[in-house]
Amino acid sequence: MKYKITHLITAEFVAEIIVDESEINTQTNDLGEYKKPNGKFEFTMIKGTEKLERTTYEKHNDKEFNIINQDSISDE
């Protein structure tokens, strides 16, 4: 029997990216698409800020699910 253990953790991160000056407006402080961090940013967790909020575990089934391709279903 296998179990999947899941930890819910909160932590503080620094998100950084280097952009060309043409991508933001420094006159109006408009960061454009970089107003919020996304997958383009490099994330670094600040050491010591992690906090374990909750831990759960559940039985894990190694068997693959049978997925039916709807294109192969016949209307006969």
PDB file of N, CA and C in Angstrom:
ATOM      1  N   MET A   1       0.846  -1.178   0.000  1.00  0.00           N
ATOM      2  CA  MET A   1       0.000   0.000   0.000  1.00  0.00           C
ATOM      3  C   MET A   1       0.887   1.236   0.000  1.00  0.00           C
ATOM      4  N   LYS A   2       0.561   2.183  -0.864  1.00  0.00           N
ATOM      5  CA  LYS A   2       1.292   3.442  -0.915  1.00  0.00           C
ATOM      6  C   LYS A   2       0.364   4.567  -0.487  1.00  0.00           C
ATOM      7  N   TYR A   3       0.965   5.613   0.064  1.00  0.00           N
ATOM      8  CA  TYR A   3       0.215   6.794   0.499  1.00  0.00           C
ATOM      9  C   TYR A   3       0.813   8.031  -0.129  1.00  0.00           C
ATOM     10  N   LYS A   4      -0.056   8.982  -0.482  1.00  0.00           N
ATOM     11  CA  LYS A   4       0.385  10.288  -0.970  1.00  0.00           C
ATOM     12  C   LYS A   4       0.283  11.256   0.201  1.00  0.00           C
ATOM     13  N   ILE A   5       1.396  11.891   0.537  1.00  0.00           N
ATOM     14  CA  ILE A   5       1.441  12.871   1.623  1.00  0.00           C
ATOM     15  C   ILE A   5       1.489  14.260   0.999  1.00  0.00           C
ATOM     16  N   THR A   6       0.612  15.153   1.462  1.00  0.00           N
ATOM     17  CA  THR A   6       0.544  16.512   0.934  1.00  0.00           C
ATOM     18  C   THR A   6       0.725  17.502   2.074  1.00  0.00           C
ATOM     19  N   HIS A   7       1.668  18.420   1.904  1.00  0.00           N
ATOM     20  CA  HIS A   7       1.899  19.481   2.880  1.00  0.00           C
ATOM     21  C   HIS A   7       1.439  20.799   2.273  1.00  0.00           C
ATOM     22  N   LEU A   8       0.636  21.565   2.987  1.00  0.00           N
ATOM     23  CA  LEU A   8       0.277  22.924   2.593  1.00  0.00           C
ATOM     24  C   LEU A   8       1.222  23.849   3.352  1.00  0.00           C
ATOM     25  N   ILE A   9       2.029  24.586   2.597  1.00  0.00           N
ATOM     26  CA  ILE A   9       3.076  25.413   3.190  1.00  0.00           C
ATOM     27  C   ILE A   9       2.917  26.845   2.708  1.00  0.00           C
ATOM     28  N   THR A  10       3.092  27.803   3.609  1.00  0.00           N
ATOM     29  CA  THR A  10       3.165  29.206   3.210  1.00  0.00           C
ATOM     30  C   THR A  10       4.603  29.668   3.414  1.00  0.00           C
ATOM     31  N   ALA A  11       5.036  30.591   2.572  1.00  0.00           N
ATOM     32  CA  ALA A  11       6.398  31.119   2.672  1.00  0.00           C
ATOM     33  C   ALA A  11       6.456  32.446   1.921  1.00  0.00           C
ATOM     34  N   GLU A  12       7.507  33.189   2.165  1.00  0.00           N
ATOM     35  CA  GLU A  12       7.722  34.431   1.435  1.00  0.00           C
ATOM     36  C   GLU A  12       8.726  34.170   0.320  1.00  0.00           C
ATOM     37  N   PHE A  13       8.445  34.771  -0.845  1.00  0.00           N
ATOM     38  CA  PHE A  13       9.298  34.608  -2.005  1.00  0.00           C
ATOM     39  C   PHE A  13       9.676  35.967  -2.578  1.00  0.00           C
ATOM     40  N   VAL A  14      10.804  36.012  -3.228  1.00  0.00           N
ATOM     41  CA  VAL A  14      11.208  37.159  -4.027  1.00  0.00           C
ATOM     42  C   VAL A  14      11.047  36.719  -5.477  1.00  0.00           C
ATOM     43  N   ALA A  15      10.347  37.525  -6.280  1.00  0.00           N
ATOM     44  CA  ALA A  15      10.165  37.236  -7.703  1.00  0.00           C
ATOM     45  C   ALA A  15      10.913  38.298  -8.491  1.00  0.00           C
ATOM     46  N   GLU A  16      11.858  37.862  -9.332  1.00  0.00           N
ATOM     47  CA  GLU A  16      12.698  38.809 -10.060  1.00  0.00           C
ATOM     48  C   GLU A  16      12.721  38.484 -11.548  1.00  0.00           C
ATOM     49  N   ILE A  17      12.844  39.538 -12.356  1.00  0.00           N
ATOM     50  CA  ILE A  17      12.978  39.388 -13.804  1.00  0.00           C
ATOM     51  C   ILE A  17      13.735  40.605 -14.330  1.00  0.00           C
ATOM     52  N   ILE A  18      14.526  40.413 -15.358  1.00  0.00           N
ATOM     53  CA  ILE A  18      15.224  41.503 -16.037  1.00  0.00           C
ATOM     54  C   ILE A  18      14.463  41.775 -17.331  1.00  0.00           C
ATOM     55  N   VAL A  19      14.045  43.040 -17.541  1.00  0.00           N
ATOM     56  CA  VAL A  19      13.288  43.404 -18.754  1.00  0.00           C
ATOM     57  C   VAL A  19      13.967  44.573 -19.455  1.00  0.00           C
ATOM     58  N   ASP A  20      13.682  44.692 -20.719  1.00  0.00           N
ATOM     59  CA  ASP A  20      14.180  45.820 -21.511  1.00  0.00           C
ATOM     60  C   ASP A  20      13.381  47.067 -21.165  1.00  0.00           C
ATOM     61  N   GLU A  21      14.005  48.206 -21.231  1.00  0.00           N
ATOM     62  CA  GLU A  21      13.321  49.450 -20.873  1.00  0.00           C
ATOM     63  C   GLU A  21      12.101  49.728 -21.741  1.00  0.00           C
ATOM     64  N   SER A  22      12.053  49.158 -22.926  1.00  0.00           N
ATOM     65  CA  SER A  22      10.905  49.374 -23.817  1.00  0.00           C
ATOM     66  C   SER A  22       9.658  48.618 -23.356  1.00  0.00           C
ATOM     67  N   GLU A  23       9.820  47.699 -22.402  1.00  0.00           N
ATOM     68  CA  GLU A  23       8.690  46.889 -21.944  1.00  0.00           C
ATOM     69  C   GLU A  23       7.925  47.513 -20.779  1.00  0.00           C
ATOM     70  N   ILE A  24       8.482  48.553 -20.165  1.00  0.00           N
ATOM     71  CA  ILE A  24       7.815  49.223 -19.047  1.00  0.00           C
ATOM     72  C   ILE A  24       7.876  50.739 -19.263  1.00  0.00           C
ATOM     73  N   ASN A  25       7.035  51.463 -18.542  1.00  0.00           N
ATOM     74  CA  ASN A  25       7.028  52.927 -18.638  1.00  0.00           C
ATOM     75  C   ASN A  25       7.500  53.483 -17.304  1.00  0.00           C
ATOM     76  N   THR A  26       8.738  53.937 -17.261  1.00  0.00           N
ATOM     77  CA  THR A  26       9.298  54.453 -16.007  1.00  0.00           C
ATOM     78  C   THR A  26       8.778  55.841 -15.664  1.00  0.00           C
ATOM     79  N   GLN A  27       8.215  56.537 -16.642  1.00  0.00           N
ATOM     80  CA  GLN A  27       7.663  57.869 -16.386  1.00  0.00           C
ATOM     81  C   GLN A  27       6.382  57.785 -15.550  1.00  0.00           C
ATOM     82  N   THR A  28       5.568  56.764 -15.821  1.00  0.00           N
ATOM     83  CA  THR A  28       4.291  56.603 -15.108  1.00  0.00           C
ATOM     84  C   THR A  28       4.315  55.430 -14.130  1.00  0.00           C
ATOM     85  N   ASN A  29       5.474  54.792 -13.990  1.00  0.00           N
ATOM     86  CA  ASN A  29       5.625  53.608 -13.134  1.00  0.00           C
ATOM     87  C   ASN A  29       4.700  52.469 -13.550  1.00  0.00           C
ATOM     88  N   ASP A  30       4.437  52.345 -14.844  1.00  0.00           N
ATOM     89  CA  ASP A  30       3.593  51.272 -15.365  1.00  0.00           C
ATOM     90  C   ASP A  30       4.477  50.090 -15.745  1.00  0.00           C
ATOM     91  N   LEU A  31       4.329  49.001 -15.034  1.00  0.00           N
ATOM     92  CA  LEU A  31       5.142  47.814 -15.286  1.00  0.00           C
ATOM     93  C   LEU A  31       4.544  46.905 -16.356  1.00  0.00           C
ATOM     94  N   GLY A  32       3.429  47.328 -16.955  1.00  0.00           N
ATOM     95  CA  GLY A  32       2.821  46.554 -18.035  1.00  0.00           C
ATOM     96  C   GLY A  32       2.465  45.147 -17.609  1.00  0.00           C
ATOM     97  N   GLU A  33       2.895  44.172 -18.410  1.00  0.00           N
ATOM     98  CA  GLU A  33       2.576  42.773 -18.117  1.00  0.00           C
ATOM     99  C   GLU A  33       3.327  42.231 -16.898  1.00  0.00           C
ATOM    100  N   TYR A  34       4.222  43.028 -16.339  1.00  0.00           N
ATOM    101  CA  TYR A  34       5.024  42.583 -15.196  1.00  0.00           C
ATOM    102  C   TYR A  34       4.506  43.122 -13.864  1.00  0.00           C
ATOM    103  N   LYS A  35       3.259  43.608 -13.847  1.00  0.00           N
ATOM    104  CA  LYS A  35       2.673  44.130 -12.603  1.00  0.00           C
ATOM    105  C   LYS A  35       2.553  43.040 -11.542  1.00  0.00           C
ATOM    106  N   LYS A  36       2.289  41.820 -11.996  1.00  0.00           N
ATOM    107  CA  LYS A  36       2.201  40.672 -11.088  1.00  0.00           C
ATOM    108  C   LYS A  36       3.157  39.606 -11.590  1.00  0.00           C
ATOM    109  N   PRO A  37       3.825  38.895 -10.686  1.00  0.00           N
ATOM    110  CA  PRO A  37       4.758  37.851 -11.125  1.00  0.00           C
ATOM    111  C   PRO A  37       4.018  36.716 -11.820  1.00  0.00           C
ATOM    112  N   ASN A  38       4.692  36.162 -12.829  1.00  0.00           N
ATOM    113  CA  ASN A  38       4.139  35.021 -13.549  1.00  0.00           C
ATOM    114  C   ASN A  38       5.264  34.022 -13.794  1.00  0.00           C
ATOM    115  N   GLY A  39       5.047  33.098 -14.684  1.00  0.00           N
ATOM    116  CA  GLY A  39       6.035  32.054 -14.953  1.00  0.00           C
ATOM    117  C   GLY A  39       7.335  32.553 -15.556  1.00  0.00           C
ATOM    118  N   LYS A  40       7.369  33.792 -16.010  1.00  0.00           N
ATOM    119  CA  LYS A  40       8.594  34.362 -16.575  1.00  0.00           C
ATOM    120  C   LYS A  40       9.580  34.800 -15.489  1.00  0.00           C
ATOM    121  N   PHE A  41       9.088  34.993 -14.275  1.00  0.00           N
ATOM    122  CA  PHE A  41       9.918  35.459 -13.167  1.00  0.00           C
ATOM    123  C   PHE A  41      10.730  34.314 -12.567  1.00  0.00           C
ATOM    124  N   GLU A  42      11.835  34.657 -11.944  1.00  0.00           N
ATOM    125  CA  GLU A  42      12.618  33.701 -11.174  1.00  0.00           C
ATOM    126  C   GLU A  42      12.217  33.880  -9.708  1.00  0.00           C
ATOM    127  N   PHE A  43      11.797  32.796  -9.076  1.00  0.00           N
ATOM    128  CA  PHE A  43      11.328  32.842  -7.691  1.00  0.00           C
ATOM    129  C   PHE A  43      12.388  32.265  -6.758  1.00  0.00           C
ATOM    130  N   THR A  44      12.634  32.977  -5.668  1.00  0.00           N
ATOM    131  CA  THR A  44      13.545  32.512  -4.629  1.00  0.00           C
ATOM    132  C   THR A  44      12.829  32.596  -3.295  1.00  0.00           C
ATOM    133  N   MET A  45      12.751  31.456  -2.602  1.00  0.00           N
ATOM    134  CA  MET A  45      12.111  31.462  -1.294  1.00  0.00           C
ATOM    135  C   MET A  45      13.062  32.070  -0.264  1.00  0.00           C
ATOM    136  N   ILE A  46      12.531  32.933   0.579  1.00  0.00           N
ATOM    137  CA  ILE A  46      13.331  33.550   1.635  1.00  0.00           C
ATOM    138  C   ILE A  46      13.468  32.542   2.772  1.00  0.00           C
ATOM    139  N   LYS A  47      14.686  32.152   3.025  1.00  0.00           N
ATOM    140  CA  LYS A  47      14.980  31.119   4.015  1.00  0.00           C
ATOM    141  C   LYS A  47      14.423  31.494   5.384  1.00  0.00           C
ATOM    142  N   GLY A  48      13.787  30.526   6.016  1.00  0.00           N
ATOM    143  CA  GLY A  48      13.259  30.721   7.359  1.00  0.00           C
ATOM    144  C   GLY A  48      11.832  31.244   7.408  1.00  0.00           C
ATOM    145  N   THR A  49      11.234  31.541   6.246  1.00  0.00           N
ATOM    146  CA  THR A  49       9.871  32.072   6.242  1.00  0.00           C
ATOM    147  C   THR A  49       8.819  30.980   6.045  1.00  0.00           C
ATOM    148  N   GLU A  50       9.255  29.752   5.760  1.00  0.00           N
ATOM    149  CA  GLU A  50       8.290  28.685   5.505  1.00  0.00           C
ATOM    150  C   GLU A  50       7.562  28.290   6.787  1.00  0.00           C
ATOM    151  N   LYS A  51       6.264  28.035   6.631  1.00  0.00           N
ATOM    152  CA  LYS A  51       5.433  27.650   7.766  1.00  0.00           C
ATOM    153  C   LYS A  51       4.491  26.540   7.302  1.00  0.00           C
ATOM    154  N   LEU A  52       4.524  25.418   7.983  1.00  0.00           N
ATOM    155  CA  LEU A  52       3.651  24.298   7.664  1.00  0.00           C
ATOM    156  C   LEU A  52       2.255  24.594   8.186  1.00  0.00           C
ATOM    157  N   GLU A  53       1.297  24.679   7.274  1.00  0.00           N
ATOM    158  CA  GLU A  53      -0.081  25.009   7.646  1.00  0.00           C
ATOM    159  C   GLU A  53      -0.920  23.766   7.928  1.00  0.00           C
ATOM    160  N   ARG A  54      -0.762  22.764   7.062  1.00  0.00           N
ATOM    161  CA  ARG A  54      -1.599  21.568   7.213  1.00  0.00           C
ATOM    162  C   ARG A  54      -0.945  20.415   6.458  1.00  0.00           C
ATOM    163  N   THR A  55      -1.108  19.203   6.959  1.00  0.00           N
ATOM    164  CA  THR A  55      -0.613  18.001   6.308  1.00  0.00           C
ATOM    165  C   THR A  55      -1.747  16.994   6.206  1.00  0.00           C
ATOM    166  N   THR A  56      -1.874  16.389   5.034  1.00  0.00           N
ATOM    167  CA  THR A  56      -2.866  15.337   4.831  1.00  0.00           C
ATOM    168  C   THR A  56      -2.194  14.151   4.167  1.00  0.00           C
ATOM    169  N   TYR A  57      -2.821  12.978   4.297  1.00  0.00           N
ATOM    170  CA  TYR A  57      -2.346  11.817   3.553  1.00  0.00           C
ATOM    171  C   TYR A  57      -3.540  10.982   3.142  1.00  0.00           C
ATOM    172  N   GLU A  58      -3.365  10.291   2.011  1.00  0.00           N
ATOM    173  CA  GLU A  58      -4.440   9.463   1.480  1.00  0.00           C
ATOM    174  C   GLU A  58      -3.833   8.270   0.764  1.00  0.00           C
ATOM    175  N   LYS A  59      -4.616   7.214   0.656  1.00  0.00           N
ATOM    176  CA  LYS A  59      -4.150   6.033  -0.062  1.00  0.00           C
ATOM    177  C   LYS A  59      -3.890   6.419  -1.512  1.00  0.00           C
ATOM    178  N   HIS A  60      -2.810   5.867  -2.067  1.00  0.00           N
ATOM    179  CA  HIS A  60      -2.425   6.176  -3.447  1.00  0.00           C
ATOM    180  C   HIS A  60      -2.563   4.916  -4.273  1.00  0.00           C
ATOM    181  N   ASN A  61      -3.283   5.035  -5.393  1.00  0.00           N
ATOM    182  CA  ASN A  61      -3.498   3.911  -6.277  1.00  0.00           C
ATOM    183  C   ASN A  61      -2.580   4.064  -7.485  1.00  0.00           C
ATOM    184  N   ASP A  62      -1.701   3.089  -7.715  1.00  0.00           N
ATOM    185  CA  ASP A  62      -0.759   3.151  -8.837  1.00  0.00           C
ATOM    186  C   ASP A  62      -1.401   2.815 -10.171  1.00  0.00           C
ATOM    187  N   LYS A  63      -2.612   2.291 -10.169  1.00  0.00           N
ATOM    188  CA  LYS A  63      -3.251   1.873 -11.413  1.00  0.00           C
ATOM    189  C   LYS A  63      -3.633   3.080 -12.250  1.00  0.00           C
ATOM    190  N   GLU A  64      -3.465   2.959 -13.574  1.00  0.00           N
ATOM    191  CA  GLU A  64      -3.852   4.025 -14.486  1.00  0.00           C
ATOM    192  C   GLU A  64      -5.352   3.972 -14.712  1.00  0.00           C
ATOM    193  N   PHE A  65      -5.946   5.132 -14.933  1.00  0.00           N
ATOM    194  CA  PHE A  65      -7.368   5.193 -15.215  1.00  0.00           C
ATOM    195  C   PHE A  65      -7.614   4.830 -16.669  1.00  0.00           C
ATOM    196  N   ASN A  66      -8.744   4.175 -16.949  1.00  0.00           N
ATOM    197  CA  ASN A  66      -9.142   3.884 -18.317  1.00  0.00           C
ATOM    198  C   ASN A  66      -9.879   5.097 -18.857  1.00  0.00           C
ATOM    199  N   ILE A  67      -9.287   5.781 -19.819  1.00  0.00           N
ATOM    200  CA  ILE A  67      -9.898   6.963 -20.409  1.00  0.00           C
ATOM    201  C   ILE A  67     -10.439   6.573 -21.773  1.00  0.00           C
ATOM    202  N   ILE A  68     -11.725   6.834 -21.984  1.00  0.00           N
ATOM    203  CA  ILE A  68     -12.364   6.491 -23.244  1.00  0.00           C
ATOM    204  C   ILE A  68     -12.268   7.676 -24.182  1.00  0.00           C
ATOM    205  N   ASN A  69     -11.767   7.433 -25.381  1.00  0.00           N
ATOM    206  CA  ASN A  69     -11.689   8.476 -26.405  1.00  0.00           C
ATOM    207  C   ASN A  69     -13.071   8.610 -27.032  1.00  0.00           C
ATOM    208  N   GLN A  70     -13.698   9.770 -26.912  1.00  0.00           N
ATOM    209  CA  GLN A  70     -15.053   9.947 -27.407  1.00  0.00           C
ATOM    210  C   GLN A  70     -15.145   9.790 -28.916  1.00  0.00           C
ATOM    211  N   ASP A  71     -14.067  10.004 -29.633  1.00  0.00           N
ATOM    212  CA  ASP A  71     -14.071   9.850 -31.090  1.00  0.00           C
ATOM    213  C   ASP A  71     -14.269   8.393 -31.501  1.00  0.00           C
ATOM    214  N   SER A  72     -13.945   7.464 -30.617  1.00  0.00           N
ATOM    215  CA  SER A  72     -14.039   6.052 -30.975  1.00  0.00           C
ATOM    216  C   SER A  72     -15.368   5.436 -30.563  1.00  0.00           C
ATOM    217  N   ILE A  73     -16.257   6.186 -29.954  1.00  0.00           N
ATOM    218  CA  ILE A  73     -17.547   5.652 -29.528  1.00  0.00           C
ATOM    219  C   ILE A  73     -18.497   5.598 -30.725  1.00  0.00           C
ATOM    220  N   SER A  74     -19.126   4.454 -30.885  1.00  0.00           N
ATOM    221  CA  SER A  74     -20.041   4.255 -32.003  1.00  0.00           C
ATOM    222  C   SER A  74     -21.468   4.581 -31.581  1.00  0.00           C
ATOM    223  N   ASP A  75     -22.261   5.148 -32.505  1.00  0.00           N
ATOM    224  CA  ASP A  75     -23.661   5.466 -32.234  1.00  0.00           C
ATOM    225  C   ASP A  75     -24.601   4.381 -32.759  1.00  0.00           C
ATOM    226  N   GLU A  76     -24.108   3.189 -32.958  1.00  0.00           N
ATOM    227  CA  GLU A  76     -24.926   2.112 -33.526  1.00  0.00           C
ATOM    228  C   GLU A  76     -26.029   1.675 -32.599  1.00  0.00           C
TER     229      GLU A  76
END
